[in-house]
Amino acid sequence: MRIADSKKFFIASTVAAAHVIVHPGAMRELHWHPNADEWQYYIAGSGRMGVFAAGNKVHTKDFHAGDVGYIPQAMGHYVENTGKTDLVFLEVFRSSYYSSISFAQWLSHLPPELVQAHFNFSDDTMKALSKRDAKIVGA
């Protein structure tokens, strides 16, 4: 994942973007963007995105090269590669900076006993939770 925003490209005061490559069998882990809506443009490959709304609502859609996706600000979502070649897409935000929070990152900042009580995670699993946004996980 390569990010272009005002931190690296100073003139980008109103746009941030990420070029994402997800290998077969991998996924862009469950995450959300607290600062902006996300527009996506799929360049190559095949993928599936799930977007989680309030309550128990989840919308799942398949995407292919040439498709456009959209996620409202702060809605949790993931993108998995469902094909046999790399899934390549752009994420674009109306913001001067890129920001995302992964589910694992969020869990790692909660009281461990709370997370263990709700998810029945082992101590090893708790230690493995990253305090940083891992971005791409899997294969």
C-alpha atoms as a PDB file:
ATOM      1  CA  MET A   1       0.000   0.000   0.000  1.00  0.00           C
ATOM      2  CA  ARG A   2       1.442   3.370  -1.040  1.00  0.00           C
ATOM      3  CA  ILE A   3      -0.063   6.563   0.353  1.00  0.00           C
ATOM      4  CA  ALA A   4       0.062  10.048  -1.167  1.00  0.00           C
ATOM      5  CA  ASP A   5      -1.155  12.907   1.013  1.00  0.00           C
ATOM      6  CA  SER A   6       0.015  16.282   2.321  1.00  0.00           C
ATOM      7  CA  LYS A   7       2.606  14.584   4.568  1.00  0.00           C
ATOM      8  CA  LYS A   8       4.514  13.416   1.476  1.00  0.00           C
ATOM      9  CA  PHE A   9       3.128  15.666  -1.257  1.00  0.00           C
ATOM     10  CA  PHE A  10       2.762  19.096   0.346  1.00  0.00           C
ATOM     11  CA  ILE A  11       0.486  20.584  -2.315  1.00  0.00           C
ATOM     12  CA  ALA A  12      -2.177  17.909  -1.623  1.00  0.00           C
ATOM     13  CA  SER A  13      -4.236  20.084   0.689  1.00  0.00           C
ATOM     14  CA  THR A  14      -7.629  18.687  -0.356  1.00  0.00           C
ATOM     15  CA  VAL A  15      -6.943  15.123  -1.491  1.00  0.00           C
ATOM     16  CA  ALA A  16      -5.320  11.995  -0.113  1.00  0.00           C
ATOM     17  CA  ALA A  17      -4.974   8.689  -1.930  1.00  0.00           C
ATOM     18  CA  ALA A  18      -3.673   5.174  -1.496  1.00  0.00           C
ATOM     19  CA  HIS A  19      -2.591   2.727  -4.193  1.00  0.00           C
ATOM     20  CA  VAL A  20      -3.478  -0.719  -2.847  1.00  0.00           C
ATOM     21  CA  ILE A  21      -2.301  -4.127  -4.065  1.00  0.00           C
ATOM     22  CA  VAL A  22      -3.873  -7.195  -2.476  1.00  0.00           C
ATOM     23  CA  HIS A  23      -2.360 -10.539  -3.474  1.00  0.00           C
ATOM     24  CA  PRO A  24      -4.514 -13.627  -4.080  1.00  0.00           C
ATOM     25  CA  GLY A  25      -5.726 -15.078  -0.782  1.00  0.00           C
ATOM     26  CA  ALA A  26      -5.110 -11.823   1.134  1.00  0.00           C
ATOM     27  CA  MET A  27      -7.328  -8.939   2.201  1.00  0.00           C
ATOM     28  CA  ARG A  28      -7.345  -5.295   3.223  1.00  0.00           C
ATOM     29  CA  GLU A  29      -8.297  -5.935   6.816  1.00  0.00           C
ATOM     30  CA  LEU A  30     -11.456  -4.638   8.466  1.00  0.00           C
ATOM     31  CA  HIS A  31     -10.931  -0.907   9.071  1.00  0.00           C
ATOM     32  CA  TRP A  32     -12.573   2.512   8.866  1.00  0.00           C
ATOM     33  CA  HIS A  33     -11.548   6.052   7.990  1.00  0.00           C
ATOM     34  CA  PRO A  34     -12.472   8.590  10.695  1.00  0.00           C
ATOM     35  CA  ASN A  35     -11.785  11.675   8.595  1.00  0.00           C
ATOM     36  CA  ALA A  36     -13.437  11.255   5.166  1.00  0.00           C
ATOM     37  CA  ASP A  37     -15.600   9.223   2.806  1.00  0.00           C
ATOM     38  CA  GLU A  38     -13.678   6.785   0.593  1.00  0.00           C
ATOM     39  CA  TRP A  39     -13.981   6.540  -3.168  1.00  0.00           C
ATOM     40  CA  GLN A  40     -12.384   3.541  -4.849  1.00  0.00           C
ATOM     41  CA  TYR A  41     -11.378   2.812  -8.420  1.00  0.00           C
ATOM     42  CA  TYR A  42     -10.573  -0.814  -9.251  1.00  0.00           C
ATOM     43  CA  ILE A  43      -7.679  -1.084 -11.694  1.00  0.00           C
ATOM     44  CA  ALA A  44      -7.091  -4.849 -11.959  1.00  0.00           C
ATOM     45  CA  GLY A  45      -8.266  -8.154 -10.530  1.00  0.00           C
ATOM     46  CA  SER A  46     -11.402  -9.221  -8.692  1.00  0.00           C
ATOM     47  CA  GLY A  47     -12.441  -8.500  -5.146  1.00  0.00           C
ATOM     48  CA  ARG A  48     -15.253  -8.450  -2.654  1.00  0.00           C
ATOM     49  CA  MET A  49     -15.970  -5.618  -0.262  1.00  0.00           C
ATOM     50  CA  GLY A  50     -18.128  -5.736   2.832  1.00  0.00           C
ATOM     51  CA  VAL A  51     -19.335  -2.471   4.377  1.00  0.00           C
ATOM     52  CA  PHE A  52     -20.794  -2.489   7.892  1.00  0.00           C
ATOM     53  CA  ALA A  53     -23.516   0.012   8.720  1.00  0.00           C
ATOM     54  CA  ALA A  54     -25.261   0.586  12.045  1.00  0.00           C
ATOM     55  CA  GLY A  55     -26.775  -2.391  13.782  1.00  0.00           C
ATOM     56  CA  ASN A  56     -26.501  -5.697  11.954  1.00  0.00           C
ATOM     57  CA  LYS A  57     -26.499  -4.261   8.430  1.00  0.00           C
ATOM     58  CA  VAL A  58     -23.686  -5.327   6.101  1.00  0.00           C
ATOM     59  CA  HIS A  59     -23.530  -4.734   2.362  1.00  0.00           C
ATOM     60  CA  THR A  60     -21.301  -7.036   0.313  1.00  0.00           C
ATOM     61  CA  LYS A  61     -20.461  -6.442  -3.357  1.00  0.00           C
ATOM     62  CA  ASP A  62     -18.051  -7.917  -5.880  1.00  0.00           C
ATOM     63  CA  PHE A  63     -15.770  -5.582  -7.853  1.00  0.00           C
ATOM     64  CA  HIS A  64     -13.700  -5.932 -11.022  1.00  0.00           C
ATOM     65  CA  ALA A  65     -11.364  -3.714 -13.064  1.00  0.00           C
ATOM     66  CA  GLY A  66     -13.155  -0.503 -14.073  1.00  0.00           C
ATOM     67  CA  ASP A  67     -15.623  -0.555 -11.161  1.00  0.00           C
ATOM     68  CA  VAL A  68     -16.042   2.247  -8.641  1.00  0.00           C
ATOM     69  CA  GLY A  69     -16.773   1.760  -4.929  1.00  0.00           C
ATOM     70  CA  TYR A  70     -17.848   4.133  -2.169  1.00  0.00           C
ATOM     71  CA  ILE A  71     -17.764   3.926   1.637  1.00  0.00           C
ATOM     72  CA  PRO A  72     -19.243   6.659   3.854  1.00  0.00           C
ATOM     73  CA  GLN A  73     -16.936   8.113   6.497  1.00  0.00           C
ATOM     74  CA  ALA A  74     -16.371   5.947   9.591  1.00  0.00           C
ATOM     75  CA  MET A  75     -18.149   2.840   8.222  1.00  0.00           C
ATOM     76  CA  GLY A  76     -16.190  -0.340   8.814  1.00  0.00           C
ATOM     77  CA  HIS A  77     -15.198  -2.216   5.665  1.00  0.00           C
ATOM     78  CA  TYR A  78     -12.813  -4.803   4.242  1.00  0.00           C
ATOM     79  CA  VAL A  79     -11.720  -5.741   0.731  1.00  0.00           C
ATOM     80  CA  GLU A  80     -10.684  -9.304  -0.079  1.00  0.00           C
ATOM     81  CA  ASN A  81      -9.025 -10.584  -3.234  1.00  0.00           C
ATOM     82  CA  THR A  82     -11.359 -13.203  -4.724  1.00  0.00           C
ATOM     83  CA  GLY A  83      -9.309 -13.833  -7.867  1.00  0.00           C
ATOM     84  CA  LYS A  84      -6.116 -15.596  -8.923  1.00  0.00           C
ATOM     85  CA  THR A  85      -4.197 -12.384  -9.772  1.00  0.00           C
ATOM     86  CA  ASP A  86      -3.386  -9.236  -7.785  1.00  0.00           C
ATOM     87  CA  LEU A  87      -6.312  -6.976  -6.903  1.00  0.00           C
ATOM     88  CA  VAL A  88      -5.217  -3.382  -7.559  1.00  0.00           C
ATOM     89  CA  PHE A  89      -7.278  -0.334  -6.659  1.00  0.00           C
ATOM     90  CA  LEU A  90      -7.060   3.309  -5.624  1.00  0.00           C
ATOM     91  CA  GLU A  91      -8.585   4.744  -2.471  1.00  0.00           C
ATOM     92  CA  VAL A  92      -9.265   8.492  -2.698  1.00  0.00           C
ATOM     93  CA  PHE A  93     -10.304  10.835   0.125  1.00  0.00           C
ATOM     94  CA  ARG A  94     -11.355  14.484   0.333  1.00  0.00           C
ATOM     95  CA  SER A  95      -8.824  15.256   3.046  1.00  0.00           C
ATOM     96  CA  SER A  96      -5.291  16.571   3.321  1.00  0.00           C
ATOM     97  CA  TYR A  97      -4.193  13.399   5.119  1.00  0.00           C
ATOM     98  CA  TYR A  98      -4.767   9.649   5.013  1.00  0.00           C
ATOM     99  CA  SER A  99      -6.165   8.086   8.173  1.00  0.00           C
ATOM    100  CA  SER A 100      -7.468   4.617   8.940  1.00  0.00           C
ATOM    101  CA  ILE A 101      -8.059   2.515  12.025  1.00  0.00           C
ATOM    102  CA  SER A 102      -8.039  -1.263  11.756  1.00  0.00           C
ATOM    103  CA  PHE A 103     -10.225  -3.515  13.862  1.00  0.00           C
ATOM    104  CA  ALA A 104      -7.151  -5.212  15.398  1.00  0.00           C
ATOM    105  CA  GLN A 105      -5.589  -1.816  16.132  1.00  0.00           C
ATOM    106  CA  TRP A 106      -8.795  -0.661  17.852  1.00  0.00           C
ATOM    107  CA  LEU A 107      -8.987  -3.882  19.906  1.00  0.00           C
ATOM    108  CA  SER A 108      -5.338  -3.484  20.978  1.00  0.00           C
ATOM    109  CA  HIS A 109      -6.173  -0.159  22.656  1.00  0.00           C
ATOM    110  CA  LEU A 110      -9.111  -1.489  24.684  1.00  0.00           C
ATOM    111  CA  PRO A 111      -8.736  -3.030  28.146  1.00  0.00           C
ATOM    112  CA  PRO A 112      -7.481  -6.600  27.483  1.00  0.00           C
ATOM    113  CA  GLU A 113      -9.921  -8.165  29.937  1.00  0.00           C
ATOM    114  CA  LEU A 114     -12.825  -6.551  28.070  1.00  0.00           C
ATOM    115  CA  VAL A 115     -11.653  -7.895  24.699  1.00  0.00           C
ATOM    116  CA  GLN A 116     -11.013 -11.367  26.118  1.00  0.00           C
ATOM    117  CA  ALA A 117     -14.448 -11.454  27.758  1.00  0.00           C
ATOM    118  CA  HIS A 118     -16.231 -10.561  24.503  1.00  0.00           C
ATOM    119  CA  PHE A 119     -14.130 -12.483  21.968  1.00  0.00           C
ATOM    120  CA  ASN A 120     -12.682 -15.313  24.084  1.00  0.00           C
ATOM    121  CA  PHE A 121      -9.167 -14.481  22.789  1.00  0.00           C
ATOM    122  CA  SER A 122      -6.165 -16.283  24.251  1.00  0.00           C
ATOM    123  CA  ASP A 123      -3.293 -14.356  25.851  1.00  0.00           C
ATOM    124  CA  ASP A 124      -1.197 -15.100  22.742  1.00  0.00           C
ATOM    125  CA  THR A 125      -3.875 -13.642  20.473  1.00  0.00           C
ATOM    126  CA  MET A 126      -4.068 -10.544  22.648  1.00  0.00           C
ATOM    127  CA  LYS A 127      -0.285 -10.065  22.434  1.00  0.00           C
ATOM    128  CA  ALA A 128      -0.434 -10.453  18.643  1.00  0.00           C
ATOM    129  CA  LEU A 129      -2.901  -7.575  18.154  1.00  0.00           C
ATOM    130  CA  SER A 130      -1.075  -4.743  16.407  1.00  0.00           C
ATOM    131  CA  LYS A 131      -1.275  -1.226  17.820  1.00  0.00           C
ATOM    132  CA  ARG A 132      -0.743  -0.001  14.242  1.00  0.00           C
ATOM    133  CA  ASP A 133      -2.964  -0.278  11.180  1.00  0.00           C
ATOM    134  CA  ALA A 134      -1.694  -3.470   9.495  1.00  0.00           C
ATOM    135  CA  LYS A 135      -3.410  -2.642   6.172  1.00  0.00           C
ATOM    136  CA  ILE A 136      -2.971  -5.923   4.222  1.00  0.00           C
ATOM    137  CA  VAL A 137      -3.253  -9.324   5.906  1.00  0.00           C
ATOM    138  CA  GLY A 138      -3.114 -12.894   4.683  1.00  0.00           C
ATOM    139  CA  ALA A 139      -1.222 -14.599   1.899  1.00  0.00           C
END
